[in-house]
Amino acid sequence: MATNKIDRIDREIAKTREKLAEYQNKLRELEAQKTEAENLQIVQLVRAVRMTPQELNALLSGGGIPGVGTPAPDAQEKEENHDEI
């Protein structure tokens, strides 16, 4: 009787390991699909703004886009600077 119970548990363990392997493979495939979709979206966004490779490199390195001025300070900053004078 105990052997039947052990055999049943062994079969359940084997079945669970198979399912686990299937789910791990599926997870890897889904993660790869997600990465590919994200990469495609990035490429499309870069192409949409028509950046040159040099501009993209400057933007990614934190230097901003060459030829584009820095944004003007907002009104609150102007008021604070005016009060200090």
Protein backbone atom coordinates (compact mmCIF):
# COMPACT_ATOMS: atom_id res chain seq x y z
CA MET A 1 0.00 0.00 0.00
CA ALA A 2 2.78 2.45 0.89
CA THR A 3 4.55 1.62 -2.37
CA ASN A 4 1.46 2.57 -4.39
CA LYS A 5 1.32 5.91 -2.62
CA ILE A 6 5.03 6.50 -3.25
CA ASP A 7 4.64 5.55 -6.92
CA ARG A 8 1.70 7.91 -7.29
CA ILE A 9 3.69 10.73 -5.68
CA ASP A 10 6.68 9.98 -7.96
CA ARG A 11 4.44 10.18 -11.02
CA GLU A 12 3.00 13.49 -9.78
CA ILE A 13 6.53 14.84 -9.22
CA ALA A 14 7.56 13.84 -12.75
CA LYS A 15 4.45 15.42 -14.23
CA THR A 16 5.05 18.63 -12.27
CA ARG A 17 8.68 18.79 -13.41
CA GLU A 18 7.57 18.44 -17.04
CA LYS A 19 5.04 21.24 -16.66
CA LEU A 20 7.65 23.39 -14.92
CA ALA A 21 10.08 22.89 -17.81
CA GLU A 22 7.33 23.78 -20.31
CA TYR A 23 6.47 26.96 -18.41
CA GLN A 24 10.13 27.98 -18.14
CA ASN A 25 10.55 27.58 -21.91
CA LYS A 26 7.36 29.54 -22.53
CA LEU A 27 8.56 32.28 -20.17
CA ARG A 28 11.90 32.56 -22.01
CA GLU A 29 10.08 32.79 -25.35
CA LEU A 30 7.72 35.49 -24.07
CA GLU A 31 10.59 37.50 -22.60
CA ALA A 32 12.43 37.32 -25.93
CA GLN A 33 9.28 38.47 -27.77
CA LYS A 34 8.89 41.37 -25.34
CA THR A 35 12.51 42.45 -25.81
CA GLU A 36 12.13 42.29 -29.59
CA ALA A 37 8.92 44.36 -29.46
CA GLU A 38 10.59 46.96 -27.21
CA ASN A 39 13.57 47.18 -29.55
CA LEU A 40 11.29 47.63 -32.53
CA GLN A 41 9.38 50.38 -30.71
CA ILE A 42 12.64 52.19 -29.90
CA VAL A 43 13.78 52.02 -33.51
CA GLN A 44 10.41 53.34 -34.71
CA LEU A 45 10.53 56.25 -32.23
CA VAL A 46 14.06 57.21 -33.27
CA ARG A 47 13.11 57.06 -36.94
CA ALA A 48 9.97 59.12 -36.28
CA VAL A 49 12.01 62.04 -34.91
CA ARG A 50 14.51 61.66 -37.77
CA MET A 51 17.60 61.83 -35.58
CA THR A 52 21.03 61.33 -37.05
CA PRO A 53 23.22 58.70 -35.43
CA GLN A 54 25.34 61.48 -33.94
CA GLU A 55 22.28 63.19 -32.40
CA LEU A 56 21.07 59.89 -30.96
CA ASN A 57 24.50 59.19 -29.50
CA ALA A 58 24.61 62.67 -27.93
CA LEU A 59 21.14 62.25 -26.48
CA LEU A 60 21.92 58.84 -25.01
CA SER A 61 25.20 60.04 -23.51
CA GLY A 62 23.32 62.80 -21.70
CA GLY A 63 24.58 65.68 -23.77
CA GLY A 64 21.20 66.62 -25.22
CA ILE A 65 20.55 67.07 -28.89
CA PRO A 66 23.11 69.23 -30.71
CA GLY A 67 21.61 72.40 -32.13
CA VAL A 68 18.63 72.33 -29.79
CA GLY A 69 18.70 74.98 -27.07
CA THR A 70 18.10 74.28 -23.43
CA PRO A 71 14.53 74.85 -22.25
CA ALA A 72 13.77 78.23 -20.70
CA PRO A 73 13.25 78.27 -16.94
CA ASP A 74 9.63 78.28 -15.88
CA ALA A 75 7.91 81.35 -14.47
CA GLN A 76 8.36 80.31 -10.84
CA GLU A 77 12.14 80.12 -11.24
CA LYS A 78 12.14 83.56 -12.87
CA GLU A 79 10.22 85.01 -9.92
CA GLU A 80 12.58 83.42 -7.41
CA ASN A 81 15.60 84.81 -9.25
CA HIS A 82 13.96 88.27 -9.41
CA ASP A 83 13.31 88.29 -5.64
CA GLU A 84 16.96 87.54 -4.92
CA ILE A 85 18.18 90.64 -6.81
